[in-house]
Amino acid sequence: MFEFFNIPHTYEKYVPDRNGSEKLIELPNILPTFERFSVDIGVSTDILSLWCKEHKEFLRVYKQCQALQKDMLNDLALRGFYNATYTAFAAKNLTDMCKESSPNQDIRDAYLKAMSELTNDKMGKE
C-alpha cells in the first residue's frame, strides 16, 4: 500500500508547442486514493477499514498513506495544478482538513485564500 501512495507528485512530458517544436512540461500524477487502491487489490474500502481495526501495523501504514495523499494534494494545489474549489472539496472529504474539526480556522482560511490566488494566477498564464 505504501508504494501505491508514495509516488512522485509530477512527471515531465514533451508536448508540441505553437512553433512545431517540443517543449518539456510538468504534469501532475493522478492523486492516489484509497478507493483506487482497494479496487486494485480486489477489496472494498470497508475491508480496508476492517483491517485498520484488526491490524495495528496496517493502521500505521494506512495513516502514513493518508499523510502522503494529503501532502500530494496540498503540494499540487499550491502549485496551481488543481482547481481551488475542487481542492477545497477534496481536502474536506479526503483528509482531516474539515472546517468543523479545526481549531485553526483563520489559518485554514488564509491557506485556502492563498491556494485560490495561486491557482487563479497559474490558470491565467499560458
N, C-alpha and C. Protein backbone atom coordinates (compact mmCIF):
# COMPACT_ATOMS: atom_id res chain seq x y z
N MET A 1 0.83 -1.19 0.00
CA MET A 1 0.00 0.00 0.00
C MET A 1 0.88 1.25 0.00
N PHE A 2 1.95 1.23 0.79
CA PHE A 2 2.81 2.41 0.87
C PHE A 2 3.35 2.78 -0.51
N GLU A 3 3.75 1.78 -1.29
CA GLU A 3 4.29 2.04 -2.63
C GLU A 3 3.25 2.68 -3.54
N PHE A 4 1.99 2.31 -3.38
CA PHE A 4 0.90 2.87 -4.18
C PHE A 4 0.76 4.37 -3.93
N PHE A 5 0.91 4.80 -2.68
CA PHE A 5 0.73 6.20 -2.31
C PHE A 5 2.02 7.02 -2.38
N ASN A 6 3.15 6.38 -2.27
CA ASN A 6 4.44 7.08 -2.25
C ASN A 6 4.97 7.24 -3.68
N ILE A 7 4.31 8.11 -4.43
CA ILE A 7 4.67 8.33 -5.83
C ILE A 7 5.10 9.78 -6.02
N PRO A 8 5.87 10.06 -7.08
CA PRO A 8 6.21 11.45 -7.37
C PRO A 8 4.92 12.25 -7.63
N HIS A 9 4.91 13.48 -7.21
CA HIS A 9 3.73 14.32 -7.41
C HIS A 9 3.53 14.68 -8.87
N THR A 10 4.63 14.78 -9.61
CA THR A 10 4.54 15.19 -11.01
C THR A 10 5.44 14.31 -11.88
N TYR A 11 5.26 14.46 -13.17
CA TYR A 11 6.15 13.84 -14.16
C TYR A 11 6.33 14.84 -15.30
N GLU A 12 7.33 14.62 -16.10
CA GLU A 12 7.60 15.53 -17.21
C GLU A 12 7.26 14.84 -18.52
N LYS A 13 6.81 15.65 -19.48
CA LYS A 13 6.40 15.13 -20.79
C LYS A 13 6.71 16.18 -21.84
N TYR A 14 7.18 15.71 -22.99
CA TYR A 14 7.39 16.61 -24.12
C TYR A 14 6.07 16.74 -24.88
N VAL A 15 5.71 17.99 -25.18
CA VAL A 15 4.50 18.27 -25.95
C VAL A 15 4.84 19.27 -27.04
N PRO A 16 4.12 19.22 -28.17
CA PRO A 16 4.38 20.19 -29.23
C PRO A 16 3.97 21.60 -28.79
N ASP A 17 4.77 22.58 -29.16
CA ASP A 17 4.39 23.96 -28.88
C ASP A 17 3.85 24.59 -30.16
N ARG A 18 3.56 25.88 -30.12
CA ARG A 18 2.96 26.58 -31.26
C ARG A 18 3.88 26.63 -32.48
N ASN A 19 5.16 26.52 -32.26
CA ASN A 19 6.13 26.61 -33.36
C ASN A 19 6.42 25.25 -33.98
N GLY A 20 5.80 24.22 -33.51
CA GLY A 20 6.03 22.89 -34.06
C GLY A 20 7.17 22.14 -33.39
N SER A 21 7.89 22.79 -32.52
CA SER A 21 8.93 22.08 -31.79
C SER A 21 8.32 21.54 -30.49
N GLU A 22 9.11 20.82 -29.73
CA GLU A 22 8.60 20.25 -28.49
C GLU A 22 9.16 20.98 -27.29
N LYS A 23 8.32 21.08 -26.27
CA LYS A 23 8.80 21.65 -25.01
C LYS A 23 8.46 20.68 -23.89
N LEU A 24 9.27 20.72 -22.87
CA LEU A 24 9.10 19.84 -21.71
C LEU A 24 8.18 20.54 -20.71
N ILE A 25 7.10 19.87 -20.33
CA ILE A 25 6.19 20.43 -19.34
C ILE A 25 6.07 19.48 -18.15
N GLU A 26 5.67 20.03 -17.04
CA GLU A 26 5.45 19.26 -15.83
C GLU A 26 3.95 19.02 -15.68
N LEU A 27 3.58 17.78 -15.45
CA LEU A 27 2.17 17.41 -15.28
C LEU A 27 1.99 16.70 -13.95
N PRO A 28 0.79 16.85 -13.36
CA PRO A 28 0.55 16.16 -12.08
C PRO A 28 0.25 14.68 -12.29
N ASN A 29 0.75 13.85 -11.38
CA ASN A 29 0.32 12.45 -11.35
C ASN A 29 -1.09 12.40 -10.81
N ILE A 30 -1.76 11.30 -11.06
CA ILE A 30 -3.10 11.12 -10.51
C ILE A 30 -2.99 10.94 -9.00
N LEU A 31 -3.81 11.68 -8.27
CA LEU A 31 -3.81 11.59 -6.81
C LEU A 31 -4.21 10.18 -6.39
N PRO A 32 -3.35 9.49 -5.66
CA PRO A 32 -3.73 8.14 -5.20
C PRO A 32 -4.84 8.22 -4.16
N THR A 33 -5.81 7.34 -4.31
CA THR A 33 -6.93 7.31 -3.36
C THR A 33 -7.08 5.91 -2.79
N PHE A 34 -7.70 5.82 -1.65
CA PHE A 34 -7.95 4.52 -1.04
C PHE A 34 -8.98 3.74 -1.85
N GLU A 35 -9.87 4.45 -2.54
CA GLU A 35 -10.84 3.78 -3.40
C GLU A 35 -10.13 3.06 -4.55
N ARG A 36 -9.20 3.76 -5.21
CA ARG A 36 -8.48 3.14 -6.32
C ARG A 36 -7.59 2.00 -5.81
N PHE A 37 -6.95 2.22 -4.66
CA PHE A 37 -6.11 1.17 -4.10
C PHE A 37 -6.92 -0.08 -3.80
N SER A 38 -8.10 0.09 -3.19
CA SER A 38 -8.91 -1.07 -2.84
C SER A 38 -9.37 -1.82 -4.09
N VAL A 39 -9.72 -1.10 -5.14
CA VAL A 39 -10.10 -1.76 -6.40
C VAL A 39 -8.91 -2.52 -6.97
N ASP A 40 -7.73 -1.91 -6.92
CA ASP A 40 -6.53 -2.55 -7.46
C ASP A 40 -6.22 -3.88 -6.76
N ILE A 41 -6.50 -3.96 -5.47
CA ILE A 41 -6.19 -5.22 -4.76
C ILE A 41 -7.42 -6.12 -4.62
N GLY A 42 -8.56 -5.68 -5.15
CA GLY A 42 -9.74 -6.53 -5.20
C GLY A 42 -10.57 -6.60 -3.94
N VAL A 43 -10.54 -5.52 -3.15
CA VAL A 43 -11.39 -5.48 -1.95
C VAL A 43 -12.14 -4.15 -1.94
N SER A 44 -13.01 -4.00 -0.96
CA SER A 44 -13.73 -2.73 -0.81
C SER A 44 -13.02 -1.85 0.22
N THR A 45 -13.38 -0.58 0.25
CA THR A 45 -12.81 0.31 1.27
C THR A 45 -13.29 -0.10 2.66
N ASP A 46 -14.43 -0.76 2.74
CA ASP A 46 -14.89 -1.28 4.04
C ASP A 46 -13.91 -2.31 4.59
N ILE A 47 -13.35 -3.12 3.70
CA ILE A 47 -12.36 -4.12 4.13
C ILE A 47 -11.11 -3.43 4.65
N LEU A 48 -10.69 -2.34 3.97
CA LEU A 48 -9.53 -1.59 4.46
C LEU A 48 -9.79 -1.08 5.87
N SER A 49 -11.00 -0.57 6.11
CA SER A 49 -11.36 -0.07 7.45
C SER A 49 -11.32 -1.20 8.47
N LEU A 50 -11.82 -2.36 8.08
CA LEU A 50 -11.79 -3.52 8.97
C LEU A 50 -10.36 -3.92 9.29
N TRP A 51 -9.50 -3.94 8.28
CA TRP A 51 -8.10 -4.28 8.50
C TRP A 51 -7.43 -3.28 9.44
N CYS A 52 -7.80 -2.02 9.32
CA CYS A 52 -7.24 -1.00 10.23
C CYS A 52 -7.61 -1.30 11.68
N LYS A 53 -8.82 -1.76 11.88
CA LYS A 53 -9.28 -2.08 13.24
C LYS A 53 -8.61 -3.34 13.78
N GLU A 54 -8.32 -4.28 12.90
CA GLU A 54 -7.81 -5.58 13.34
C GLU A 54 -6.28 -5.69 13.36
N HIS A 55 -5.59 -4.83 12.62
CA HIS A 55 -4.14 -4.96 12.49
C HIS A 55 -3.46 -3.61 12.72
N LYS A 56 -2.75 -3.50 13.83
CA LYS A 56 -2.09 -2.23 14.18
C LYS A 56 -1.07 -1.80 13.13
N GLU A 57 -0.32 -2.73 12.57
CA GLU A 57 0.67 -2.40 11.55
C GLU A 57 0.00 -1.87 10.28
N PHE A 58 -1.12 -2.47 9.91
CA PHE A 58 -1.85 -1.98 8.73
C PHE A 58 -2.35 -0.56 9.00
N LEU A 59 -2.85 -0.31 10.19
CA LEU A 59 -3.33 1.03 10.55
C LEU A 59 -2.19 2.04 10.48
N ARG A 60 -1.01 1.66 10.95
CA ARG A 60 0.15 2.55 10.91
C ARG A 60 0.48 2.93 9.46
N VAL A 61 0.52 1.95 8.58
CA VAL A 61 0.83 2.22 7.17
C VAL A 61 -0.31 3.02 6.53
N TYR A 62 -1.54 2.71 6.87
CA TYR A 62 -2.71 3.43 6.35
C TYR A 62 -2.59 4.92 6.69
N LYS A 63 -2.21 5.22 7.93
CA LYS A 63 -2.06 6.62 8.34
C LYS A 63 -0.91 7.30 7.60
N GLN A 64 0.16 6.57 7.35
CA GLN A 64 1.25 7.13 6.54
C GLN A 64 0.75 7.45 5.13
N CYS A 65 -0.05 6.57 4.59
CA CYS A 65 -0.60 6.79 3.24
C CYS A 65 -1.55 7.97 3.22
N GLN A 66 -2.32 8.16 4.28
CA GLN A 66 -3.16 9.35 4.38
C GLN A 66 -2.31 10.61 4.36
N ALA A 67 -1.19 10.58 5.06
CA ALA A 67 -0.29 11.74 5.10
C ALA A 67 0.31 12.00 3.72
N LEU A 68 0.70 10.94 3.02
CA LEU A 68 1.24 11.11 1.67
C LEU A 68 0.19 11.70 0.73
N GLN A 69 -1.03 11.21 0.83
CA GLN A 69 -2.12 11.71 -0.01
C GLN A 69 -2.38 13.20 0.27
N LYS A 70 -2.43 13.55 1.54
CA LYS A 70 -2.66 14.94 1.93
C LYS A 70 -1.52 15.83 1.45
N ASP A 71 -0.29 15.36 1.58
CA ASP A 71 0.87 16.14 1.13
C ASP A 71 0.81 16.38 -0.37
N MET A 72 0.46 15.35 -1.14
CA MET A 72 0.38 15.49 -2.58
C MET A 72 -0.73 16.45 -2.97
N LEU A 73 -1.87 16.33 -2.33
CA LEU A 73 -3.00 17.23 -2.60
C LEU A 73 -2.60 18.68 -2.32
N ASN A 74 -1.98 18.92 -1.18
CA ASN A 74 -1.55 20.27 -0.83
C ASN A 74 -0.50 20.81 -1.81
N ASP A 75 0.49 20.00 -2.10
CA ASP A 75 1.57 20.42 -2.99
C ASP A 75 1.04 20.79 -4.37
N LEU A 76 0.26 19.91 -4.96
CA LEU A 76 -0.22 20.16 -6.31
C LEU A 76 -1.23 21.31 -6.35
N ALA A 77 -2.02 21.45 -5.31
CA ALA A 77 -2.96 22.57 -5.26
C ALA A 77 -2.22 23.89 -5.15
N LEU A 78 -1.24 23.95 -4.27
CA LEU A 78 -0.48 25.19 -4.09
C LEU A 78 0.32 25.56 -5.33
N ARG A 79 0.69 24.58 -6.13
CA ARG A 79 1.43 24.87 -7.35
C ARG A 79 0.50 25.11 -8.54
N GLY A 80 -0.80 25.12 -8.28
CA GLY A 80 -1.77 25.50 -9.30
C GLY A 80 -2.20 24.40 -10.25
N PHE A 81 -1.93 23.16 -9.93
CA PHE A 81 -2.35 22.07 -10.81
C PHE A 81 -3.82 21.71 -10.63
N TYR A 82 -4.41 22.05 -9.49
CA TYR A 82 -5.80 21.70 -9.21
C TYR A 82 -6.65 22.95 -9.11
N ASN A 83 -7.89 22.82 -9.49
CA ASN A 83 -8.89 23.87 -9.31
C ASN A 83 -9.09 24.10 -7.81
N ALA A 84 -9.10 25.35 -7.40
CA ALA A 84 -9.18 25.67 -5.97
C ALA A 84 -10.46 25.18 -5.32
N THR A 85 -11.58 25.31 -6.02
CA THR A 85 -12.86 24.87 -5.45
C THR A 85 -12.86 23.37 -5.23
N TYR A 86 -12.40 22.63 -6.23
CA TYR A 86 -12.36 21.18 -6.07
C TYR A 86 -11.34 20.78 -5.01
N THR A 87 -10.23 21.49 -4.95
CA THR A 87 -9.22 21.17 -3.95
C THR A 87 -9.80 21.31 -2.55
N ALA A 88 -10.55 22.38 -2.32
CA ALA A 88 -11.17 22.57 -1.00
C ALA A 88 -12.13 21.42 -0.70
N PHE A 89 -12.92 21.02 -1.69
CA PHE A 89 -13.83 19.89 -1.54
C PHE A 89 -13.07 18.61 -1.22
N ALA A 90 -12.02 18.35 -2.00
CA ALA A 90 -11.23 17.13 -1.79
C ALA A 90 -10.55 17.16 -0.43
N ALA A 91 -10.00 18.31 -0.04
CA ALA A 91 -9.33 18.41 1.25
C ALA A 91 -10.29 18.11 2.40
N LYS A 92 -11.52 18.57 2.28
CA LYS A 92 -12.51 18.34 3.33
C LYS A 92 -12.97 16.88 3.37
N ASN A 93 -12.99 16.23 2.21
CA ASN A 93 -13.55 14.88 2.14
C ASN A 93 -12.51 13.76 2.12
N LEU A 94 -11.29 14.06 1.71
CA LEU A 94 -10.26 13.03 1.66
C LEU A 94 -9.28 13.11 2.82
N THR A 95 -9.22 14.25 3.48
CA THR A 95 -8.23 14.43 4.54
C THR A 95 -8.92 14.86 5.83
N ASP A 96 -8.11 15.19 6.81
CA ASP A 96 -8.64 15.67 8.08
C ASP A 96 -8.80 17.20 8.09
N MET A 97 -8.72 17.81 6.93
CA MET A 97 -8.82 19.27 6.85
C MET A 97 -10.27 19.69 6.62
N CYS A 98 -11.11 19.53 7.65
CA CYS A 98 -12.50 19.95 7.51
C CYS A 98 -12.78 21.08 8.49
N LYS A 99 -13.65 21.98 8.08
CA LYS A 99 -13.95 23.17 8.88
C LYS A 99 -14.41 22.83 10.29
N GLU A 100 -15.29 21.87 10.40
CA GLU A 100 -15.92 21.59 11.68
C GLU A 100 -14.94 21.13 12.76
N SER A 101 -13.86 20.46 12.39
CA SER A 101 -12.99 19.91 13.43
C SER A 101 -11.71 20.70 13.64
N SER A 102 -11.57 21.87 12.99
CA SER A 102 -10.32 22.60 13.09
C SER A 102 -10.39 23.77 14.06
N PRO A 103 -9.49 23.80 15.01
CA PRO A 103 -9.43 24.96 15.91
C PRO A 103 -8.69 26.13 15.25
N ASN A 104 -8.04 25.89 14.14
CA ASN A 104 -7.23 26.92 13.46
C ASN A 104 -7.92 27.44 12.21
N GLN A 105 -9.17 27.88 12.33
CA GLN A 105 -9.95 28.29 11.17
C GLN A 105 -9.31 29.48 10.44
N ASP A 106 -8.75 30.44 11.15
CA ASP A 106 -8.12 31.59 10.50
C ASP A 106 -6.95 31.15 9.63
N ILE A 107 -6.16 30.21 10.12
CA ILE A 107 -5.03 29.70 9.34
C ILE A 107 -5.54 28.97 8.11
N ARG A 108 -6.56 28.15 8.27
CA ARG A 108 -7.12 27.41 7.13
C ARG A 108 -7.70 28.37 6.09
N ASP A 109 -8.42 29.38 6.55
CA ASP A 109 -9.00 30.35 5.61
C ASP A 109 -7.91 31.07 4.83
N ALA A 110 -6.82 31.45 5.50
CA ALA A 110 -5.70 32.11 4.82
C ALA A 110 -5.06 31.15 3.83
N TYR A 111 -4.92 29.90 4.21
CA TYR A 111 -4.35 28.88 3.33
C TYR A 111 -5.20 28.71 2.08
N LEU A 112 -6.52 28.55 2.26
CA LEU A 112 -7.40 28.36 1.11
C LEU A 112 -7.43 29.59 0.21
N LYS A 113 -7.36 30.78 0.81
CA LYS A 113 -7.32 32.00 0.01
C LYS A 113 -6.04 32.06 -0.81
N ALA A 114 -4.91 31.75 -0.19
CA ALA A 114 -3.63 31.76 -0.90
C ALA A 114 -3.63 30.70 -2.00
N MET A 115 -4.18 29.53 -1.70
CA MET A 115 -4.25 28.46 -2.69
C MET A 115 -5.11 28.90 -3.88
N SER A 116 -6.21 29.55 -3.60
CA SER A 116 -7.09 30.02 -4.66
C SER A 116 -6.40 31.07 -5.52
N GLU A 117 -5.69 32.00 -4.89
CA GLU A 117 -4.97 33.04 -5.63
C GLU A 117 -3.87 32.44 -6.49
N LEU A 118 -3.13 31.47 -5.93
CA LEU A 118 -2.07 30.81 -6.72
C LEU A 118 -2.66 30.06 -7.90
N THR A 119 -3.76 29.37 -7.67
CA THR A 119 -4.39 28.62 -8.76
C THR A 119 -4.89 29.57 -9.83
N ASN A 120 -5.52 30.65 -9.41
CA ASN A 120 -6.03 31.61 -10.39
C ASN A 120 -4.89 32.26 -11.17
N ASP A 121 -3.78 32.55 -10.50
CA ASP A 121 -2.62 33.10 -11.19
C ASP A 121 -2.09 32.10 -12.22
N LYS A 122 -1.98 30.84 -11.81
CA LYS A 122 -1.44 29.81 -12.71
C LYS A 122 -2.39 29.60 -13.90
N MET A 123 -3.68 29.62 -13.64
CA MET A 123 -4.64 29.37 -14.70
C MET A 123 -4.69 30.54 -15.69
N GLY A 124 -4.35 31.73 -15.24
CA GLY A 124 -4.35 32.89 -16.11
C GLY A 124 -3.15 32.96 -17.03
N LYS A 125 -2.12 32.17 -16.74
CA LYS A 125 -0.90 32.16 -17.54
C LYS A 125 -0.97 31.08 -18.59
N GLU A 126 -0.20 31.26 -19.70
CA GLU A 126 -0.14 30.24 -20.73
C GLU A 126 0.94 29.26 -20.44
